[in-house]
Amino acid sequence: MAVRIAIGNAATRPQLFQHFRSAVKASAQNTRLPFFTASASFSSSSAPRKLVLYSKPGCCLCDGLKEKLDAAFCIAGPNSLSDVQLQIRDITSNPEWERLYQYEIPVLARVREDGTEETLPRLSPRLSVELVRKKIAAAFDQ
């Protein structure tokens, strides 16, 4: 199930952040979260690209990356990420995720067409939104 949230203007951004908060709370009770599309105009015949963010409540690096992803999804252009579906997973809700990522969060993973996940190289918190967008777009182009 996908929930569409338009994030093209500042008026709708609070709705996106509310969904982030709801997703983190929900993940504490349920390890499976629906993917949501951060897009105002997704119209592609190909399958949407999927990205997973492993996070936990109270992680300031995770919150910073979420904000940069929000902004990166809004940037239009030839390497737009507007069709990317983002799933946020709370590692405290799953012992395996917590074991794997407790010292590494935030962790981004690209979901391949076969459903397997490929962990992306760690993004520096000092990267600009544009560089975050370029690095994620490059990961999907591989």
C-alpha atoms as a PDB file:
ATOM      1  CA  MET A   1       0.000   0.000   0.000  1.00  0.00           C
ATOM      2  CA  ALA A   2       1.361   3.427  -0.901  1.00  0.00           C
ATOM      3  CA  VAL A   3       0.353   6.704   0.665  1.00  0.00           C
ATOM      4  CA  ARG A   4       0.861   9.706  -1.591  1.00  0.00           C
ATOM      5  CA  ILE A   5       1.918  12.934  -0.011  1.00  0.00           C
ATOM      6  CA  ALA A   6       2.470  15.975  -2.188  1.00  0.00           C
ATOM      7  CA  ILE A   7       5.576  17.810  -1.043  1.00  0.00           C
ATOM      8  CA  GLY A   8       5.979  20.320  -3.816  1.00  0.00           C
ATOM      9  CA  ASN A   9       5.374  23.387  -1.673  1.00  0.00           C
ATOM     10  CA  ALA A  10       5.977  24.535   1.867  1.00  0.00           C
ATOM     11  CA  ALA A  11       2.292  24.281   2.809  1.00  0.00           C
ATOM     12  CA  THR A  12       2.307  20.485   2.443  1.00  0.00           C
ATOM     13  CA  ARG A  13       5.636  19.796   4.174  1.00  0.00           C
ATOM     14  CA  PRO A  14       4.073  19.650   7.671  1.00  0.00           C
ATOM     15  CA  GLN A  15       1.893  16.818   6.351  1.00  0.00           C
ATOM     16  CA  LEU A  16       5.019  14.906   5.308  1.00  0.00           C
ATOM     17  CA  PHE A  17       6.699  15.396   8.680  1.00  0.00           C
ATOM     18  CA  GLN A  18       3.501  14.269  10.408  1.00  0.00           C
ATOM     19  CA  HIS A  19       3.640  11.091   8.298  1.00  0.00           C
ATOM     20  CA  PHE A  20       7.300  10.582   9.344  1.00  0.00           C
ATOM     21  CA  ARG A  21       6.326  10.857  12.991  1.00  0.00           C
ATOM     22  CA  SER A  22       3.363   8.516  12.520  1.00  0.00           C
ATOM     23  CA  ALA A  23       5.525   6.009  10.658  1.00  0.00           C
ATOM     24  CA  VAL A  24       8.123   5.919  13.435  1.00  0.00           C
ATOM     25  CA  LYS A  25       5.427   5.434  16.075  1.00  0.00           C
ATOM     26  CA  ALA A  26       3.700   2.753  14.001  1.00  0.00           C
ATOM     27  CA  SER A  27       6.933   0.895  13.412  1.00  0.00           C
ATOM     28  CA  ALA A  28       7.408   0.462  17.137  1.00  0.00           C
ATOM     29  CA  GLN A  29       4.267  -1.668  17.059  1.00  0.00           C
ATOM     30  CA  ASN A  30       4.620  -3.220  13.609  1.00  0.00           C
ATOM     31  CA  THR A  31       7.820  -4.002  11.722  1.00  0.00           C
ATOM     32  CA  ARG A  32       6.175  -3.669   8.312  1.00  0.00           C
ATOM     33  CA  LEU A  33       5.427  -0.153   7.154  1.00  0.00           C
ATOM     34  CA  PRO A  34       3.816   0.842   3.891  1.00  0.00           C
ATOM     35  CA  PHE A  35       6.011   2.560   1.378  1.00  0.00           C
ATOM     36  CA  PHE A  36       4.910   6.089   0.678  1.00  0.00           C
ATOM     37  CA  THR A  37       5.636   8.140  -2.365  1.00  0.00           C
ATOM     38  CA  ALA A  38       7.021  11.585  -1.743  1.00  0.00           C
ATOM     39  CA  SER A  39       5.772  12.940  -5.012  1.00  0.00           C
ATOM     40  CA  ALA A  40       3.332  15.442  -6.362  1.00  0.00           C
ATOM     41  CA  SER A  41       3.459  14.225  -9.930  1.00  0.00           C
ATOM     42  CA  PHE A  42       4.449  10.613 -10.380  1.00  0.00           C
ATOM     43  CA  SER A  43       3.546   9.475 -13.861  1.00  0.00           C
ATOM     44  CA  SER A  44       5.893   6.774 -15.011  1.00  0.00           C
ATOM     45  CA  SER A  45       5.092   3.443 -16.566  1.00  0.00           C
ATOM     46  CA  SER A  46       8.080   1.782 -14.876  1.00  0.00           C
ATOM     47  CA  ALA A  47       7.990   0.508 -11.326  1.00  0.00           C
ATOM     48  CA  PRO A  48       8.744   3.194  -8.743  1.00  0.00           C
ATOM     49  CA  ARG A  49      12.165   3.164  -7.137  1.00  0.00           C
ATOM     50  CA  LYS A  50      12.269   2.236  -3.453  1.00  0.00           C
ATOM     51  CA  LEU A  51      14.531   3.455  -0.684  1.00  0.00           C
ATOM     52  CA  VAL A  52      14.622   2.291   2.953  1.00  0.00           C
ATOM     53  CA  LEU A  53      15.865   4.459   5.805  1.00  0.00           C
ATOM     54  CA  TYR A  54      16.821   2.611   8.986  1.00  0.00           C
ATOM     55  CA  SER A  55      16.339   5.016  11.857  1.00  0.00           C
ATOM     56  CA  LYS A  56      15.228   5.262  15.465  1.00  0.00           C
ATOM     57  CA  PRO A  57      13.419   7.855  17.558  1.00  0.00           C
ATOM     58  CA  GLY A  58      15.639  10.564  18.992  1.00  0.00           C
ATOM     59  CA  CYS A  59      18.398  10.147  16.390  1.00  0.00           C
ATOM     60  CA  CYS A  60      19.382  13.674  15.336  1.00  0.00           C
ATOM     61  CA  LEU A  61      21.438  12.402  12.369  1.00  0.00           C
ATOM     62  CA  CYS A  62      18.387  10.443  11.189  1.00  0.00           C
ATOM     63  CA  ASP A  63      16.154  13.503  11.515  1.00  0.00           C
ATOM     64  CA  GLY A  64      18.654  15.593   9.555  1.00  0.00           C
ATOM     65  CA  LEU A  65      18.807  13.029   6.764  1.00  0.00           C
ATOM     66  CA  LYS A  66      14.995  12.824   6.632  1.00  0.00           C
ATOM     67  CA  GLU A  67      14.850  16.603   6.133  1.00  0.00           C
ATOM     68  CA  LYS A  68      17.462  16.449   3.362  1.00  0.00           C
ATOM     69  CA  LEU A  69      15.603  13.601   1.663  1.00  0.00           C
ATOM     70  CA  ASP A  70      12.385  15.642   1.821  1.00  0.00           C
ATOM     71  CA  ALA A  71      14.137  18.530   0.095  1.00  0.00           C
ATOM     72  CA  ALA A  72      15.915  16.249  -2.403  1.00  0.00           C
ATOM     73  CA  PHE A  73      12.595  14.696  -3.452  1.00  0.00           C
ATOM     74  CA  CYS A  74      11.316  18.198  -4.285  1.00  0.00           C
ATOM     75  CA  ILE A  75      14.110  19.042  -6.718  1.00  0.00           C
ATOM     76  CA  ALA A  76      12.999  18.746 -10.329  1.00  0.00           C
ATOM     77  CA  GLY A  77      15.337  18.015 -13.184  1.00  0.00           C
ATOM     78  CA  PRO A  78      16.844  15.224 -15.245  1.00  0.00           C
ATOM     79  CA  ASN A  79      17.784  13.140 -12.178  1.00  0.00           C
ATOM     80  CA  SER A  80      14.626  13.828 -10.204  1.00  0.00           C
ATOM     81  CA  LEU A  81      13.816  11.590  -7.243  1.00  0.00           C
ATOM     82  CA  SER A  82      10.105  12.430  -7.332  1.00  0.00           C
ATOM     83  CA  ASP A  83       9.148   8.801  -8.044  1.00  0.00           C
ATOM     84  CA  VAL A  84      11.163   7.354  -5.152  1.00  0.00           C
ATOM     85  CA  GLN A  85       9.163   5.602  -2.457  1.00  0.00           C
ATOM     86  CA  LEU A  86      10.696   5.979   0.998  1.00  0.00           C
ATOM     87  CA  GLN A  87      10.102   3.556   3.840  1.00  0.00           C
ATOM     88  CA  ILE A  88      11.335   4.474   7.307  1.00  0.00           C
ATOM     89  CA  ARG A  89      12.130   1.524   9.562  1.00  0.00           C
ATOM     90  CA  ASP A  90      12.563   1.933  13.303  1.00  0.00           C
ATOM     91  CA  ILE A  91      15.407  -0.408  14.245  1.00  0.00           C
ATOM     92  CA  THR A  92      14.144  -0.678  17.826  1.00  0.00           C
ATOM     93  CA  SER A  93      11.075  -2.538  16.542  1.00  0.00           C
ATOM     94  CA  ASN A  94      13.072  -5.450  15.104  1.00  0.00           C
ATOM     95  CA  PRO A  95      15.935  -7.201  16.969  1.00  0.00           C
ATOM     96  CA  GLU A  96      17.703  -8.124  13.716  1.00  0.00           C
ATOM     97  CA  TRP A  97      17.683  -4.521  12.450  1.00  0.00           C
ATOM     98  CA  GLU A  98      18.869  -3.312  15.838  1.00  0.00           C
ATOM     99  CA  ARG A  99      21.734  -5.823  15.858  1.00  0.00           C
ATOM    100  CA  LEU A 100      22.761  -4.870  12.324  1.00  0.00           C
ATOM    101  CA  TYR A 101      22.397  -1.100  12.494  1.00  0.00           C
ATOM    102  CA  GLN A 102      22.528   0.031  16.139  1.00  0.00           C
ATOM    103  CA  TYR A 103      25.912   1.722  15.651  1.00  0.00           C
ATOM    104  CA  GLU A 104      25.401   2.744  12.033  1.00  0.00           C
ATOM    105  CA  ILE A 105      22.132   4.702  11.745  1.00  0.00           C
ATOM    106  CA  PRO A 106      21.004   6.418   9.692  1.00  0.00           C
ATOM    107  CA  VAL A 107      21.367   3.709   7.062  1.00  0.00           C
ATOM    108  CA  LEU A 108      19.932   4.026   3.563  1.00  0.00           C
ATOM    109  CA  ALA A 109      19.269   0.982   1.416  1.00  0.00           C
ATOM    110  CA  ARG A 110      18.091   0.755  -2.173  1.00  0.00           C
ATOM    111  CA  VAL A 111      15.494  -1.937  -2.847  1.00  0.00           C
ATOM    112  CA  ARG A 112      16.411  -3.816  -6.011  1.00  0.00           C
ATOM    113  CA  GLU A 113      13.833  -5.091  -8.491  1.00  0.00           C
ATOM    114  CA  ASP A 114      14.103  -8.592  -6.980  1.00  0.00           C
ATOM    115  CA  GLY A 115      13.235  -7.195  -3.528  1.00  0.00           C
ATOM    116  CA  THR A 116      16.704  -7.493  -2.005  1.00  0.00           C
ATOM    117  CA  GLU A 117      18.283  -4.493  -0.334  1.00  0.00           C
ATOM    118  CA  GLU A 118      21.602  -2.891  -1.177  1.00  0.00           C
ATOM    119  CA  THR A 119      23.031  -0.702   1.576  1.00  0.00           C
ATOM    120  CA  LEU A 120      24.176   2.623   0.172  1.00  0.00           C
ATOM    121  CA  PRO A 121      27.426   4.281   1.254  1.00  0.00           C
ATOM    122  CA  ARG A 122      26.973   6.464   4.307  1.00  0.00           C
ATOM    123  CA  LEU A 123      26.081  10.073   3.504  1.00  0.00           C
ATOM    124  CA  SER A 124      27.934  12.727   5.462  1.00  0.00           C
ATOM    125  CA  PRO A 125      25.616  14.978   7.481  1.00  0.00           C
ATOM    126  CA  ARG A 126      27.527  17.902   5.963  1.00  0.00           C
ATOM    127  CA  LEU A 127      26.458  17.110   2.392  1.00  0.00           C
ATOM    128  CA  SER A 128      24.196  19.611   0.700  1.00  0.00           C
ATOM    129  CA  VAL A 129      20.711  18.604  -0.405  1.00  0.00           C
ATOM    130  CA  GLU A 130      21.879  18.718  -4.032  1.00  0.00           C
ATOM    131  CA  LEU A 131      24.759  16.311  -3.343  1.00  0.00           C
ATOM    132  CA  VAL A 132      22.429  13.973  -1.439  1.00  0.00           C
ATOM    133  CA  ARG A 133      20.098  13.994  -4.462  1.00  0.00           C
ATOM    134  CA  LYS A 134      22.972  13.310  -6.876  1.00  0.00           C
ATOM    135  CA  LYS A 135      24.374  10.438  -4.797  1.00  0.00           C
ATOM    136  CA  ILE A 136      20.989   8.756  -4.436  1.00  0.00           C
ATOM    137  CA  ALA A 137      20.218   9.232  -8.138  1.00  0.00           C
ATOM    138  CA  ALA A 138      23.607   7.708  -9.008  1.00  0.00           C
ATOM    139  CA  ALA A 139      22.876   4.704  -6.774  1.00  0.00           C
ATOM    140  CA  PHE A 140      19.633   4.078  -8.656  1.00  0.00           C
ATOM    141  CA  ASP A 141      21.414   4.388 -12.012  1.00  0.00           C
ATOM    142  CA  GLN A 142      23.792   1.516 -11.212  1.00  0.00           C
END
